[in-house]
Amino acid sequence: MNILFTCAGRRTYLLKYFKENMSEGDKIVATDMQLSAPALTAADVKIQVPAVYDPKYIDITLDICKEQKVDALISLNDLELPILAEHKAKFEAQGVKVIVSDPEVIDICFDKYKTAQWVESIGLNAPKTYVRLADAKAALAKGEIAFPLFMKPRWGSGSIGLESIADMKELDIYYNLLMKKIKKTILAAASVGDEYIMIQEKLGGKEFGLDVINDLKGNNIAVSVKQKLAMRAGETDKATTVDLPEVREMGASIGRNLKHIGNLDVDIMQRANGDYCVLELNPRFGGGYPFSYEAGVNMPKAIISWLKGERVDASILTPKYGKTFAKNDYLVEVD
């Protein structure tokens, strides 16, 4: 069983988790634009590749899969997901299982405005969302929303361009500034049309991160819920696993309706009245997954078993509740 991790970046822990569950002789291959990417230190084979938007990127990755006899491919980067989803058939014709959801699923998750619309279409709550500045101002005038507001790129990744808006003056300033910023970043290549920015009501309640786990056929198997205690650079920094049936059922409903493949990283926050709202859907392993794994949610083992056609006991995907973890930095030597 050889598994390729593309855009490996800083996800050293994830490669190690898979390595812990692989058999002797199995191999982890990892690629990145830079050979100094920390996660490459956890791979058996590390290979430098061009940017995901390079015209040769897919062909180069296909060649790597052939040379390294790769059985499955897992992407760790938002911006790469639409590209891999579009070319899944090429990999699977070569015998490589691409653990990336179909293009329709990626589109719903990647376009944050479509996310809000889709969430409401299945009967769940999403923050009030606008993609036109004039519409947001009209809603403010009608009292449908109120400051503070939240602004972010419609097609975003990580914490790039996130802004909290306190008043009308800031709304105009940050809208124009964020538009300029997006056009100068890699997000410009991922964006469509001219409605690059989303303006949302800002929620101030407790925040939760979910790992919504589907098998490789899109069937929902389990949901792990964590209460976020602290954030850092757009990722969960401290969290506790919690037993919240209502939130867990929200995750299961998302998994059943979306039919994504593998892990779905979901952000949920409460309104002041206690209602839960779905903020984002990220169809990949997120920065919050380590909190689930350390509490007993062994998704690497499940994925390896599914790839082998083996049955998975749902108990290995159920967390121990009340487990609190915090991330810390450490150095790795890179060649």
C-alpha atoms as a PDB file:
ATOM      1  CA  MET A   1       0.000   0.000   0.000  1.00  0.00           C
ATOM      2  CA  ASN A   2       1.715   3.168  -1.228  1.00  0.00           C
ATOM      3  CA  ILE A   3      -0.006   6.502  -0.545  1.00  0.00           C
ATOM      4  CA  LEU A   4       0.853   9.847  -2.143  1.00  0.00           C
ATOM      5  CA  PHE A   5       0.243  13.076  -0.214  1.00  0.00           C
ATOM      6  CA  THR A   6       0.240  16.116  -2.488  1.00  0.00           C
ATOM      7  CA  CYS A   7       0.854  19.701  -1.300  1.00  0.00           C
ATOM      8  CA  ALA A   8       2.195  18.158   1.915  1.00  0.00           C
ATOM      9  CA  GLY A   9       3.200  21.504   3.433  1.00  0.00           C
ATOM     10  CA  ARG A  10       3.179  21.506   7.232  1.00  0.00           C
ATOM     11  CA  ARG A  11       0.946  18.456   7.821  1.00  0.00           C
ATOM     12  CA  THR A  12       3.767  16.378   9.291  1.00  0.00           C
ATOM     13  CA  TYR A  13       1.443  14.875  11.880  1.00  0.00           C
ATOM     14  CA  LEU A  14      -0.927  13.476   9.246  1.00  0.00           C
ATOM     15  CA  LEU A  15       1.794  11.612   7.391  1.00  0.00           C
ATOM     16  CA  LYS A  16       2.978  10.198  10.713  1.00  0.00           C
ATOM     17  CA  TYR A  17      -0.555   9.075  11.600  1.00  0.00           C
ATOM     18  CA  PHE A  18      -0.807   7.136   8.348  1.00  0.00           C
ATOM     19  CA  LYS A  19       2.675   5.689   8.829  1.00  0.00           C
ATOM     20  CA  GLU A  20       1.644   4.402  12.267  1.00  0.00           C
ATOM     21  CA  ASN A  21      -1.155   2.396  10.609  1.00  0.00           C
ATOM     22  CA  MET A  22       0.681   1.092   7.551  1.00  0.00           C
ATOM     23  CA  SER A  23       2.337  -2.301   7.263  1.00  0.00           C
ATOM     24  CA  GLU A  24       6.022  -3.006   6.849  1.00  0.00           C
ATOM     25  CA  GLY A  25       7.001  -2.378   3.255  1.00  0.00           C
ATOM     26  CA  ASP A  26       4.233   0.179   2.684  1.00  0.00           C
ATOM     27  CA  LYS A  27       5.430   3.562   1.495  1.00  0.00           C
ATOM     28  CA  ILE A  28       4.457   7.201   1.959  1.00  0.00           C
ATOM     29  CA  VAL A  29       5.288   9.479  -0.961  1.00  0.00           C
ATOM     30  CA  ALA A  30       4.918  13.240  -0.535  1.00  0.00           C
ATOM     31  CA  THR A  31       5.178  16.155  -2.941  1.00  0.00           C
ATOM     32  CA  ASP A  32       5.427  19.896  -2.512  1.00  0.00           C
ATOM     33  CA  MET A  33       6.657  22.966  -4.377  1.00  0.00           C
ATOM     34  CA  GLN A  34       9.522  23.242  -1.906  1.00  0.00           C
ATOM     35  CA  LEU A  35      11.768  20.452  -0.653  1.00  0.00           C
ATOM     36  CA  SER A  36      12.008  22.371   2.639  1.00  0.00           C
ATOM     37  CA  ALA A  37       8.318  21.673   3.410  1.00  0.00           C
ATOM     38  CA  PRO A  38       8.318  20.173   6.940  1.00  0.00           C
ATOM     39  CA  ALA A  39       5.913  17.320   6.151  1.00  0.00           C
ATOM     40  CA  LEU A  40       8.354  15.866   3.620  1.00  0.00           C
ATOM     41  CA  THR A  41      10.553  14.797   6.544  1.00  0.00           C
ATOM     42  CA  ALA A  42       7.900  12.215   7.479  1.00  0.00           C
ATOM     43  CA  ALA A  43       7.756  10.704   3.974  1.00  0.00           C
ATOM     44  CA  ASP A  44       9.669   7.722   2.624  1.00  0.00           C
ATOM     45  CA  VAL A  45       9.970   9.474  -0.739  1.00  0.00           C
ATOM     46  CA  LYS A  46       9.869  13.249  -1.209  1.00  0.00           C
ATOM     47  CA  ILE A  47       9.554  14.914  -4.592  1.00  0.00           C
ATOM     48  CA  GLN A  48       9.503  18.540  -5.664  1.00  0.00           C
ATOM     49  CA  VAL A  49       6.741  19.521  -8.093  1.00  0.00           C
ATOM     50  CA  PRO A  50       5.599  22.770  -9.769  1.00  0.00           C
ATOM     51  CA  ALA A  51       2.637  24.854  -8.590  1.00  0.00           C
ATOM     52  CA  VAL A  52      -0.805  23.258  -8.861  1.00  0.00           C
ATOM     53  CA  TYR A  53      -1.775  25.744 -11.593  1.00  0.00           C
ATOM     54  CA  ASP A  54       1.203  24.774 -13.756  1.00  0.00           C
ATOM     55  CA  PRO A  55      -0.080  23.196 -17.024  1.00  0.00           C
ATOM     56  CA  LYS A  56       2.204  20.200 -16.473  1.00  0.00           C
ATOM     57  CA  TYR A  57       1.193  19.591 -12.850  1.00  0.00           C
ATOM     58  CA  ILE A  58      -1.285  16.771 -13.487  1.00  0.00           C
ATOM     59  CA  ASP A  59       0.984  14.939 -15.932  1.00  0.00           C
ATOM     60  CA  ILE A  60       3.921  15.191 -13.541  1.00  0.00           C
ATOM     61  CA  THR A  61       1.796  13.860 -10.680  1.00  0.00           C
ATOM     62  CA  LEU A  62       0.549  10.993 -12.866  1.00  0.00           C
ATOM     63  CA  ASP A  63       4.159  10.094 -13.687  1.00  0.00           C
ATOM     64  CA  ILE A  64       5.030  10.094  -9.971  1.00  0.00           C
ATOM     65  CA  CYS A  65       2.118   7.750  -9.270  1.00  0.00           C
ATOM     66  CA  LYS A  66       3.350   5.364 -11.958  1.00  0.00           C
ATOM     67  CA  GLU A  67       7.017   5.480 -10.910  1.00  0.00           C
ATOM     68  CA  GLN A  68       6.247   5.051  -7.203  1.00  0.00           C
ATOM     69  CA  LYS A  69       3.450   2.488  -7.716  1.00  0.00           C
ATOM     70  CA  VAL A  70       0.997   4.670  -5.801  1.00  0.00           C
ATOM     71  CA  ASP A  71      -2.288   3.056  -4.727  1.00  0.00           C
ATOM     72  CA  ALA A  72      -4.042   6.141  -3.353  1.00  0.00           C
ATOM     73  CA  LEU A  73      -3.664   9.920  -3.482  1.00  0.00           C
ATOM     74  CA  ILE A  74      -4.651  12.371  -0.733  1.00  0.00           C
ATOM     75  CA  SER A  75      -4.496  16.135  -1.250  1.00  0.00           C
ATOM     76  CA  LEU A  76      -3.798  18.493   1.635  1.00  0.00           C
ATOM     77  CA  ASN A  77      -4.484  21.795  -0.126  1.00  0.00           C
ATOM     78  CA  ASP A  78      -7.799  23.561  -0.844  1.00  0.00           C
ATOM     79  CA  LEU A  79      -6.656  25.102  -4.116  1.00  0.00           C
ATOM     80  CA  GLU A  80      -5.628  21.740  -5.547  1.00  0.00           C
ATOM     81  CA  LEU A  81      -8.926  19.985  -4.875  1.00  0.00           C
ATOM     82  CA  PRO A  82     -10.889  21.298  -7.903  1.00  0.00           C
ATOM     83  CA  ILE A  83      -7.986  20.373 -10.189  1.00  0.00           C
ATOM     84  CA  LEU A  84      -7.678  16.821  -8.899  1.00  0.00           C
ATOM     85  CA  ALA A  85     -11.454  16.356  -8.891  1.00  0.00           C
ATOM     86  CA  GLU A  86     -11.573  17.296 -12.568  1.00  0.00           C
ATOM     87  CA  HIS A  87      -8.823  14.788 -13.458  1.00  0.00           C
ATOM     88  CA  LYS A  88      -9.787  11.883 -11.180  1.00  0.00           C
ATOM     89  CA  ALA A  89     -10.542   9.580 -14.104  1.00  0.00           C
ATOM     90  CA  LYS A  90      -6.967   9.854 -15.400  1.00  0.00           C
ATOM     91  CA  PHE A  91      -5.556   8.672 -12.081  1.00  0.00           C
ATOM     92  CA  GLU A  92      -8.101   5.934 -11.535  1.00  0.00           C
ATOM     93  CA  ALA A  93      -7.476   4.617 -15.073  1.00  0.00           C
ATOM     94  CA  GLN A  94      -3.916   4.123 -13.823  1.00  0.00           C
ATOM     95  CA  GLY A  95      -5.140   2.245 -10.726  1.00  0.00           C
ATOM     96  CA  VAL A  96      -4.776   5.173  -8.303  1.00  0.00           C
ATOM     97  CA  LYS A  97      -7.675   5.850  -5.920  1.00  0.00           C
ATOM     98  CA  VAL A  98      -7.998   9.624  -5.609  1.00  0.00           C
ATOM     99  CA  ILE A  99      -9.467  10.374  -2.188  1.00  0.00           C
ATOM    100  CA  VAL A 100     -10.996  13.628  -3.356  1.00  0.00           C
ATOM    101  CA  SER A 101     -14.723  14.274  -3.752  1.00  0.00           C
ATOM    102  CA  ASP A 102     -16.448  14.811  -7.094  1.00  0.00           C
ATOM    103  CA  PRO A 103     -16.329  18.264  -8.761  1.00  0.00           C
ATOM    104  CA  GLU A 104     -19.903  19.108  -7.722  1.00  0.00           C
ATOM    105  CA  VAL A 105     -19.030  18.560  -4.048  1.00  0.00           C
ATOM    106  CA  ILE A 106     -15.779  20.511  -4.302  1.00  0.00           C
ATOM    107  CA  ASP A 107     -17.642  23.413  -5.928  1.00  0.00           C
ATOM    108  CA  ILE A 108     -20.207  23.590  -3.109  1.00  0.00           C
ATOM    109  CA  CYS A 109     -17.457  23.633  -0.500  1.00  0.00           C
ATOM    110  CA  PHE A 110     -14.942  25.856  -2.287  1.00  0.00           C
ATOM    111  CA  ASP A 111     -17.453  28.587  -3.187  1.00  0.00           C
ATOM    112  CA  LYS A 112     -18.363  29.850   0.290  1.00  0.00           C
ATOM    113  CA  TYR A 113     -21.515  31.564  -1.004  1.00  0.00           C
ATOM    114  CA  LYS A 114     -22.736  28.283  -2.492  1.00  0.00           C
ATOM    115  CA  THR A 115     -21.888  26.657   0.839  1.00  0.00           C
ATOM    116  CA  ALA A 116     -24.291  28.958   2.692  1.00  0.00           C
ATOM    117  CA  GLN A 117     -27.036  28.365   0.110  1.00  0.00           C
ATOM    118  CA  TRP A 118     -26.541  24.591   0.159  1.00  0.00           C
ATOM    119  CA  VAL A 119     -26.526  24.414   3.969  1.00  0.00           C
ATOM    120  CA  GLU A 120     -29.885  26.181   4.105  1.00  0.00           C
ATOM    121  CA  SER A 121     -31.258  23.922   1.336  1.00  0.00           C
ATOM    122  CA  ILE A 122     -30.896  20.878   3.628  1.00  0.00           C
ATOM    123  CA  GLY A 123     -32.610  22.604   6.537  1.00  0.00           C
ATOM    124  CA  LEU A 124     -29.602  23.814   8.528  1.00  0.00           C
ATOM    125  CA  ASN A 125     -28.664  27.376   9.480  1.00  0.00           C
ATOM    126  CA  ALA A 126     -25.947  29.453   7.823  1.00  0.00           C
ATOM    127  CA  PRO A 127     -24.917  33.040   8.624  1.00  0.00           C
ATOM    128  CA  LYS A 128     -26.720  35.719   6.626  1.00  0.00           C
ATOM    129  CA  THR A 129     -24.459  36.152   3.619  1.00  0.00           C
ATOM    130  CA  TYR A 130     -24.036  38.742   0.846  1.00  0.00           C
ATOM    131  CA  VAL A 131     -21.673  38.845  -2.147  1.00  0.00           C
ATOM    132  CA  ARG A 132     -22.502  42.397  -3.256  1.00  0.00           C
ATOM    133  CA  LEU A 133     -21.561  45.428  -1.190  1.00  0.00           C
ATOM    134  CA  ALA A 134     -24.815  47.170  -2.146  1.00  0.00           C
ATOM    135  CA  ASP A 135     -26.865  44.206  -0.913  1.00  0.00           C
ATOM    136  CA  ALA A 136     -25.064  44.188   2.435  1.00  0.00           C
ATOM    137  CA  LYS A 137     -25.661  47.924   2.852  1.00  0.00           C
ATOM    138  CA  ALA A 138     -29.341  47.481   1.995  1.00  0.00           C
ATOM    139  CA  ALA A 139     -29.644  44.728   4.608  1.00  0.00           C
ATOM    140  CA  LEU A 140     -27.997  47.012   7.174  1.00  0.00           C
ATOM    141  CA  ALA A 141     -30.463  49.795   6.348  1.00  0.00           C
ATOM    142  CA  LYS A 142     -33.407  47.407   6.802  1.00  0.00           C
ATOM    143  CA  GLY A 143     -32.060  46.094  10.099  1.00  0.00           C
ATOM    144  CA  GLU A 144     -31.649  42.552   8.732  1.00  0.00           C
ATOM    145  CA  ILE A 145     -28.028  42.529   9.908  1.00  0.00           C
ATOM    146  CA  ALA A 146     -26.000  44.774  12.185  1.00  0.00           C
ATOM    147  CA  PHE A 147     -22.369  45.556  12.882  1.00  0.00           C
ATOM    148  CA  PRO A 148     -19.987  43.962  13.597  1.00  0.00           C
ATOM    149  CA  LEU A 149     -19.822  42.005  10.343  1.00  0.00           C
ATOM    150  CA  PHE A 150     -17.362  39.497   8.954  1.00  0.00           C
ATOM    151  CA  MET A 151     -15.674  39.750   5.558  1.00  0.00           C
ATOM    152  CA  LYS A 152     -13.696  37.076   3.722  1.00  0.00           C
ATOM    153  CA  PRO A 153     -12.824  35.893   0.209  1.00  0.00           C
ATOM    154  CA  ARG A 154     -15.625  33.926  -1.445  1.00  0.00           C
ATOM    155  CA  TRP A 155     -13.097  31.421  -2.736  1.00  0.00           C
ATOM    156  CA  GLY A 156     -10.646  31.303   0.158  1.00  0.00           C
ATOM    157  CA  SER A 157      -8.056  29.167   1.866  1.00  0.00           C
ATOM    158  CA  GLY A 158      -6.808  29.290   5.437  1.00  0.00           C
ATOM    159  CA  SER A 159      -6.991  32.723   7.049  1.00  0.00           C
ATOM    160  CA  ILE A 160      -6.146  34.766   3.940  1.00  0.00           C
ATOM    161  CA  GLY A 161      -8.146  38.000   3.857  1.00  0.00           C
ATOM    162  CA  LEU A 162     -10.349  37.511   6.921  1.00  0.00           C
ATOM    163  CA  GLU A 163     -11.562  40.829   8.338  1.00  0.00           C
ATOM    164  CA  SER A 164     -13.860  41.938  11.164  1.00  0.00           C
ATOM    165  CA  ILE A 165     -15.893  45.034  10.237  1.00  0.00           C
ATOM    166  CA  ALA A 166     -17.006  47.452  12.966  1.00  0.00           C
ATOM    167  CA  ASP A 167     -18.844  50.203  11.055  1.00  0.00           C
ATOM    168  CA  MET A 168     -19.834  51.580   7.641  1.00  0.00           C
ATOM    169  CA  LYS A 169     -16.514  53.343   7.122  1.00  0.00           C
ATOM    170  CA  GLU A 170     -14.594  50.114   7.698  1.00  0.00           C
ATOM    171  CA  LEU A 171     -17.004  48.274   5.416  1.00  0.00           C
ATOM    172  CA  ASP A 172     -16.058  50.487   2.461  1.00  0.00           C
ATOM    173  CA  ILE A 173     -12.346  50.605   3.266  1.00  0.00           C
ATOM    174  CA  TYR A 174     -11.862  46.873   3.836  1.00  0.00           C
ATOM    175  CA  TYR A 175     -14.049  45.855   0.891  1.00  0.00           C
ATOM    176  CA  ASN A 176     -11.900  47.792  -1.561  1.00  0.00           C
ATOM    177  CA  LEU A 177      -8.674  46.782   0.170  1.00  0.00           C
ATOM    178  CA  LEU A 178      -9.593  43.086   0.218  1.00  0.00           C
ATOM    179  CA  MET A 179     -10.536  43.204  -3.464  1.00  0.00           C
ATOM    180  CA  LYS A 180      -7.050  44.503  -4.255  1.00  0.00           C
ATOM    181  CA  LYS A 181      -5.407  41.929  -1.981  1.00  0.00           C
ATOM    182  CA  ILE A 182      -7.202  39.006  -3.594  1.00  0.00           C
ATOM    183  CA  LYS A 183      -6.078  40.071  -7.058  1.00  0.00           C
ATOM    184  CA  LYS A 184      -2.471  39.979  -5.841  1.00  0.00           C
ATOM    185  CA  THR A 185      -2.634  36.499  -4.292  1.00  0.00           C
ATOM    186  CA  ILE A 186      -3.049  32.940  -5.556  1.00  0.00           C
ATOM    187  CA  LEU A 187      -6.757  33.277  -4.705  1.00  0.00           C
ATOM    188  CA  ALA A 188      -7.211  35.328  -7.895  1.00  0.00           C
ATOM    189  CA  ALA A 189      -6.611  32.192  -9.967  1.00  0.00           C
ATOM    190  CA  ALA A 190      -9.209  30.309  -7.909  1.00  0.00           C
ATOM    191  CA  SER A 191     -11.899  33.003  -8.082  1.00  0.00           C
ATOM    192  CA  VAL A 192     -14.675  33.282 -10.671  1.00  0.00           C
ATOM    193  CA  GLY A 193     -16.397  36.418 -11.975  1.00  0.00           C
ATOM    194  CA  ASP A 194     -16.114  39.678 -10.062  1.00  0.00           C
ATOM    195  CA  GLU A 195     -17.963  38.827  -6.830  1.00  0.00           C
ATOM    196  CA  TYR A 196     -14.816  37.826  -4.954  1.00  0.00           C
ATOM    197  CA  ILE A 197     -15.893  38.853  -1.465  1.00  0.00           C
ATOM    198  CA  MET A 198     -18.478  37.649   1.063  1.00  0.00           C
ATOM    199  CA  ILE A 199     -19.982  39.768   3.818  1.00  0.00           C
ATOM    200  CA  GLN A 200     -21.623  37.847   6.656  1.00  0.00           C
ATOM    201  CA  GLU A 201     -23.229  38.438  10.004  1.00  0.00           C
ATOM    202  CA  LYS A 202     -20.622  37.936  12.717  1.00  0.00           C
ATOM    203  CA  LEU A 203     -21.473  35.254  15.241  1.00  0.00           C
ATOM    204  CA  GLY A 204     -20.141  35.473  18.757  1.00  0.00           C
ATOM    205  CA  GLY A 205     -21.013  32.172  20.415  1.00  0.00           C
ATOM    206  CA  LYS A 206     -19.094  28.952  20.978  1.00  0.00           C
ATOM    207  CA  GLU A 207     -17.280  27.512  17.966  1.00  0.00           C
ATOM    208  CA  PHE A 208     -17.007  23.854  17.046  1.00  0.00           C
ATOM    209  CA  GLY A 209     -14.984  21.873  14.552  1.00  0.00           C
ATOM    210  CA  LEU A 210     -16.350  18.635  13.106  1.00  0.00           C
ATOM    211  CA  ASP A 211     -14.681  15.776  11.305  1.00  0.00           C
ATOM    212  CA  VAL A 212     -17.514  14.364   9.198  1.00  0.00           C
ATOM    213  CA  ILE A 213     -16.297  10.961   8.069  1.00  0.00           C
ATOM    214  CA  ASN A 214     -17.640   9.250   4.961  1.00  0.00           C
ATOM    215  CA  ASP A 215     -16.334   6.054   3.427  1.00  0.00           C
ATOM    216  CA  LEU A 216     -14.846   5.933  -0.077  1.00  0.00           C
ATOM    217  CA  LYS A 217     -18.329   5.486  -1.564  1.00  0.00           C
ATOM    218  CA  GLY A 218     -19.725   8.608   0.115  1.00  0.00           C
ATOM    219  CA  ASN A 219     -21.649   6.894   2.914  1.00  0.00           C
ATOM    220  CA  ASN A 220     -21.609   8.712   6.252  1.00  0.00           C
ATOM    221  CA  ILE A 221     -19.937   6.594   8.926  1.00  0.00           C
ATOM    222  CA  ALA A 222     -19.127   8.861  11.879  1.00  0.00           C
ATOM    223  CA  VAL A 223     -18.819  12.430  13.177  1.00  0.00           C
ATOM    224  CA  SER A 224     -16.300  13.761  15.698  1.00  0.00           C
ATOM    225  CA  VAL A 225     -17.135  17.066  17.447  1.00  0.00           C
ATOM    226  CA  LYS A 226     -14.604  19.340  19.105  1.00  0.00           C
ATOM    227  CA  GLN A 227     -15.183  22.621  20.892  1.00  0.00           C
ATOM    228  CA  LYS A 228     -12.556  25.123  19.807  1.00  0.00           C
ATOM    229  CA  LEU A 229     -10.801  26.833  22.686  1.00  0.00           C
ATOM    230  CA  ALA A 230      -8.292  28.892  20.689  1.00  0.00           C
ATOM    231  CA  MET A 231      -7.437  29.640  17.068  1.00  0.00           C
ATOM    232  CA  ARG A 232      -4.126  30.536  15.454  1.00  0.00           C
ATOM    233  CA  ALA A 233      -3.502  31.569  11.823  1.00  0.00           C
ATOM    234  CA  GLY A 234      -6.934  30.273  10.822  1.00  0.00           C
ATOM    235  CA  GLU A 235      -6.491  26.827  12.393  1.00  0.00           C
ATOM    236  CA  THR A 236      -7.643  25.248  15.633  1.00  0.00           C
ATOM    237  CA  ASP A 237      -4.892  25.648  18.235  1.00  0.00           C
ATOM    238  CA  LYS A 238      -6.641  24.223  21.318  1.00  0.00           C
ATOM    239  CA  ALA A 239      -9.770  22.071  21.485  1.00  0.00           C
ATOM    240  CA  THR A 240     -11.757  19.578  23.556  1.00  0.00           C
ATOM    241  CA  THR A 241     -13.722  16.602  22.222  1.00  0.00           C
ATOM    242  CA  VAL A 242     -17.372  16.955  23.277  1.00  0.00           C
ATOM    243  CA  ASP A 243     -20.531  14.838  23.231  1.00  0.00           C
ATOM    244  CA  LEU A 244     -23.156  17.066  21.605  1.00  0.00           C
ATOM    245  CA  PRO A 245     -25.807  14.908  19.878  1.00  0.00           C
ATOM    246  CA  GLU A 246     -27.482  17.885  18.162  1.00  0.00           C
ATOM    247  CA  VAL A 247     -24.233  19.072  16.579  1.00  0.00           C
ATOM    248  CA  ARG A 248     -23.190  15.524  15.748  1.00  0.00           C
ATOM    249  CA  GLU A 249     -26.504  14.992  13.922  1.00  0.00           C
ATOM    250  CA  MET A 250     -25.918  18.202  11.973  1.00  0.00           C
ATOM    251  CA  GLY A 251     -22.616  16.740  10.808  1.00  0.00           C
ATOM    252  CA  ALA A 252     -24.251  13.427   9.905  1.00  0.00           C
ATOM    253  CA  SER A 253     -26.927  15.247   7.888  1.00  0.00           C
ATOM    254  CA  ILE A 254     -24.233  17.126   5.991  1.00  0.00           C
ATOM    255  CA  GLY A 255     -22.373  13.883   5.293  1.00  0.00           C
ATOM    256  CA  ARG A 256     -25.495  12.058   4.120  1.00  0.00           C
ATOM    257  CA  ASN A 257     -26.580  14.867   1.792  1.00  0.00           C
ATOM    258  CA  LEU A 258     -23.203  15.989   0.471  1.00  0.00           C
ATOM    259  CA  LYS A 259     -21.886  12.453  -0.067  1.00  0.00           C
ATOM    260  CA  HIS A 260     -18.278  13.614   0.057  1.00  0.00           C
ATOM    261  CA  ILE A 261     -15.417  11.138   0.133  1.00  0.00           C
ATOM    262  CA  GLY A 262     -13.189  10.760   3.198  1.00  0.00           C
ATOM    263  CA  ASN A 263     -12.949  13.569   5.724  1.00  0.00           C
ATOM    264  CA  LEU A 264     -14.948  16.798   5.704  1.00  0.00           C
ATOM    265  CA  ASP A 265     -13.727  19.552   8.015  1.00  0.00           C
ATOM    266  CA  VAL A 266     -16.774  21.544   9.175  1.00  0.00           C
ATOM    267  CA  ASP A 267     -16.889  24.789  11.170  1.00  0.00           C
ATOM    268  CA  ILE A 268     -19.992  25.503  13.252  1.00  0.00           C
ATOM    269  CA  MET A 269     -20.693  28.469  15.543  1.00  0.00           C
ATOM    270  CA  GLN A 270     -23.583  29.493  17.756  1.00  0.00           C
ATOM    271  CA  ARG A 271     -25.644  32.648  17.492  1.00  0.00           C
ATOM    272  CA  ALA A 272     -26.416  34.603  20.662  1.00  0.00           C
ATOM    273  CA  ASN A 273     -29.808  32.833  20.827  1.00  0.00           C
ATOM    274  CA  GLY A 274     -28.091  29.435  20.870  1.00  0.00           C
ATOM    275  CA  ASP A 275     -28.837  28.423  17.265  1.00  0.00           C
ATOM    276  CA  TYR A 276     -26.025  26.554  15.544  1.00  0.00           C
ATOM    277  CA  CYS A 277     -24.847  27.906  12.174  1.00  0.00           C
ATOM    278  CA  VAL A 278     -22.631  26.134   9.651  1.00  0.00           C
ATOM    279  CA  LEU A 279     -19.781  28.438   8.631  1.00  0.00           C
ATOM    280  CA  GLU A 280     -17.608  26.397   6.279  1.00  0.00           C
ATOM    281  CA  LEU A 281     -17.207  22.989   4.652  1.00  0.00           C
ATOM    282  CA  ASN A 282     -13.667  21.907   3.751  1.00  0.00           C
ATOM    283  CA  PRO A 283     -13.543  18.546   1.907  1.00  0.00           C
ATOM    284  CA  ARG A 284     -10.148  17.430   3.198  1.00  0.00           C
ATOM    285  CA  PHE A 285      -8.243  16.766   6.390  1.00  0.00           C
ATOM    286  CA  GLY A 286      -8.283  20.042   8.316  1.00  0.00           C
ATOM    287  CA  GLY A 287      -6.075  21.499  10.993  1.00  0.00           C
ATOM    288  CA  GLY A 288      -8.536  20.227  13.596  1.00  0.00           C
ATOM    289  CA  TYR A 289      -8.195  16.549  12.721  1.00  0.00           C
ATOM    290  CA  PRO A 290      -5.245  15.880  15.104  1.00  0.00           C
ATOM    291  CA  PHE A 291      -7.577  16.587  18.033  1.00  0.00           C
ATOM    292  CA  SER A 292      -9.866  13.806  16.832  1.00  0.00           C
ATOM    293  CA  TYR A 293      -7.035  11.360  16.128  1.00  0.00           C
ATOM    294  CA  GLU A 294      -5.436  11.833  19.540  1.00  0.00           C
ATOM    295  CA  ALA A 295      -8.864  11.173  21.087  1.00  0.00           C
ATOM    296  CA  GLY A 296      -9.153   7.855  19.253  1.00  0.00           C
ATOM    297  CA  VAL A 297     -10.611   8.679  15.806  1.00  0.00           C
ATOM    298  CA  ASN A 298      -8.344   6.550  13.631  1.00  0.00           C
ATOM    299  CA  MET A 299      -9.305   7.616  10.140  1.00  0.00           C
ATOM    300  CA  PRO A 300      -5.965   6.623   8.566  1.00  0.00           C
ATOM    301  CA  LYS A 301      -6.629   3.040   9.639  1.00  0.00           C
ATOM    302  CA  ALA A 302     -10.161   3.235   8.253  1.00  0.00           C
ATOM    303  CA  ILE A 303      -8.991   4.609   4.896  1.00  0.00           C
ATOM    304  CA  ILE A 304      -6.336   1.921   4.547  1.00  0.00           C
ATOM    305  CA  SER A 305      -8.941  -0.752   5.362  1.00  0.00           C
ATOM    306  CA  TRP A 306     -11.418   0.688   2.843  1.00  0.00           C
ATOM    307  CA  LEU A 307      -8.702   0.738   0.173  1.00  0.00           C
ATOM    308  CA  LYS A 308      -8.149  -2.963   0.844  1.00  0.00           C
ATOM    309  CA  GLY A 309     -11.879  -3.679   0.683  1.00  0.00           C
ATOM    310  CA  GLU A 310     -12.044  -4.508   4.386  1.00  0.00           C
ATOM    311  CA  ARG A 311     -14.886  -3.748   6.794  1.00  0.00           C
ATOM    312  CA  VAL A 312     -14.315  -0.960   9.321  1.00  0.00           C
ATOM    313  CA  ASP A 313     -15.649  -1.078  12.865  1.00  0.00           C
ATOM    314  CA  ALA A 314     -17.256   2.313  13.604  1.00  0.00           C
ATOM    315  CA  SER A 315     -15.786   2.212  17.130  1.00  0.00           C
ATOM    316  CA  ILE A 316     -12.355   3.228  15.749  1.00  0.00           C
ATOM    317  CA  LEU A 317     -13.949   6.441  14.481  1.00  0.00           C
ATOM    318  CA  THR A 318     -15.602   7.397  17.775  1.00  0.00           C
ATOM    319  CA  PRO A 319     -13.671   9.842  20.006  1.00  0.00           C
ATOM    320  CA  LYS A 320     -13.205   9.695  23.730  1.00  0.00           C
ATOM    321  CA  TYR A 321     -15.024  12.720  25.088  1.00  0.00           C
ATOM    322  CA  GLY A 322     -13.480  15.370  27.311  1.00  0.00           C
ATOM    323  CA  LYS A 323     -10.004  15.038  25.791  1.00  0.00           C
ATOM    324  CA  THR A 324      -8.253  18.410  25.517  1.00  0.00           C
ATOM    325  CA  PHE A 325      -5.180  19.009  23.374  1.00  0.00           C
ATOM    326  CA  ALA A 326      -3.090  21.996  22.327  1.00  0.00           C
ATOM    327  CA  LYS A 327      -0.675  22.370  19.432  1.00  0.00           C
ATOM    328  CA  ASN A 328       2.924  23.410  19.952  1.00  0.00           C
ATOM    329  CA  ASP A 329       5.771  24.264  17.595  1.00  0.00           C
ATOM    330  CA  TYR A 330       8.936  22.244  17.136  1.00  0.00           C
ATOM    331  CA  LEU A 331      11.709  22.188  14.601  1.00  0.00           C
ATOM    332  CA  VAL A 332      12.502  19.504  12.054  1.00  0.00           C
ATOM    333  CA  GLU A 333      15.728  19.381  10.088  1.00  0.00           C
ATOM    334  CA  VAL A 334      15.114  19.501   6.343  1.00  0.00           C
ATOM    335  CA  ASP A 335      17.559  18.412   3.640  1.00  0.00           C
END
